[in-house]
Amino acid sequence: TMKLERITIYPKDIQRVTGRSERYGRTLIGKIRKHLNKQDHQFVTVEEFCEYTGLKIEHVSQRMF
């Protein structure tokens, strides 16, 4: 069976990855949305988060799940 991995990132995930607060995660997602000209209802992907922060996708996904 194939493991289904989430492609979107949430404030709680950012908290786990960075050790910062969940509020910081919400703020960061807002900054990434603005940077990518996304609207409020659009999701931020793990890939977009990694591009923005310079973190490696393998490191991030290990800590998300």
Protein backbone atom coordinates (compact mmCIF):
# COMPACT_ATOMS: atom_id res chain seq x y z
CA THR A 1 0.00 0.00 0.00
CA MET A 2 1.08 3.53 -0.76
CA LYS A 3 1.50 5.93 2.15
CA LEU A 4 -0.53 9.06 1.56
CA GLU A 5 1.55 12.12 2.43
CA ARG A 6 -0.01 15.51 2.85
CA ILE A 7 1.14 18.15 0.39
CA THR A 8 -0.12 21.14 2.38
CA ILE A 9 1.56 22.60 5.43
CA TYR A 10 -0.21 23.95 8.52
CA PRO A 11 0.92 26.15 11.44
CA LYS A 12 1.19 23.09 13.72
CA ASP A 13 3.60 21.48 11.22
CA ILE A 14 5.74 24.63 11.15
CA GLN A 15 5.74 24.59 14.97
CA ARG A 16 7.06 21.00 14.94
CA VAL A 17 9.71 21.74 12.33
CA THR A 18 11.01 25.06 13.70
CA GLY A 19 10.30 24.80 17.41
CA ARG A 20 8.59 28.20 17.23
CA SER A 21 5.00 28.95 18.27
CA GLU A 22 1.89 28.03 16.32
CA ARG A 23 1.23 31.75 15.97
CA TYR A 24 4.62 32.12 14.25
CA GLY A 25 3.49 29.36 11.87
CA ARG A 26 0.31 31.26 10.99
CA THR A 27 2.30 34.45 10.41
CA LEU A 28 4.83 32.64 8.23
CA ILE A 29 2.11 31.01 6.10
CA GLY A 30 0.64 34.49 5.59
CA LYS A 31 4.03 35.83 4.47
CA ILE A 32 4.50 32.92 2.05
CA ARG A 33 0.98 33.46 0.62
CA LYS A 34 1.75 37.14 0.10
CA HIS A 35 5.14 36.34 -1.47
CA LEU A 36 3.49 33.91 -3.92
CA ASN A 37 0.49 36.21 -4.58
CA LYS A 38 -1.93 33.61 -3.25
CA GLN A 39 -5.37 34.41 -1.92
CA ASP A 40 -6.42 33.73 1.68
CA HIS A 41 -8.34 30.56 0.80
CA GLN A 42 -5.43 29.00 -1.11
CA PHE A 43 -3.17 26.43 0.56
CA VAL A 44 0.60 26.63 0.95
CA THR A 45 2.38 23.42 -0.03
CA VAL A 46 5.29 21.79 1.79
CA GLU A 47 7.37 22.44 -1.33
CA GLU A 48 6.54 26.17 -1.32
CA PHE A 49 7.34 26.36 2.40
CA CYS A 50 10.72 24.72 1.78
CA GLU A 51 11.56 27.01 -1.14
CA TYR A 52 10.68 30.06 0.96
CA THR A 53 12.58 29.00 4.10
CA GLY A 54 15.50 27.25 2.42
CA LEU A 55 14.86 24.03 4.36
CA LYS A 56 15.24 20.62 2.73
CA ILE A 57 11.98 18.87 1.94
CA GLU A 58 13.25 15.53 3.40
CA HIS A 59 13.98 17.17 6.76
CA VAL A 60 10.61 18.90 6.87
CA SER A 61 8.52 15.87 5.90
CA GLN A 62 10.34 13.70 8.49
CA ARG A 63 9.18 16.03 11.25
CA MET A 64 5.64 16.55 9.96
CA PHE A 65 4.44 12.95 10.23
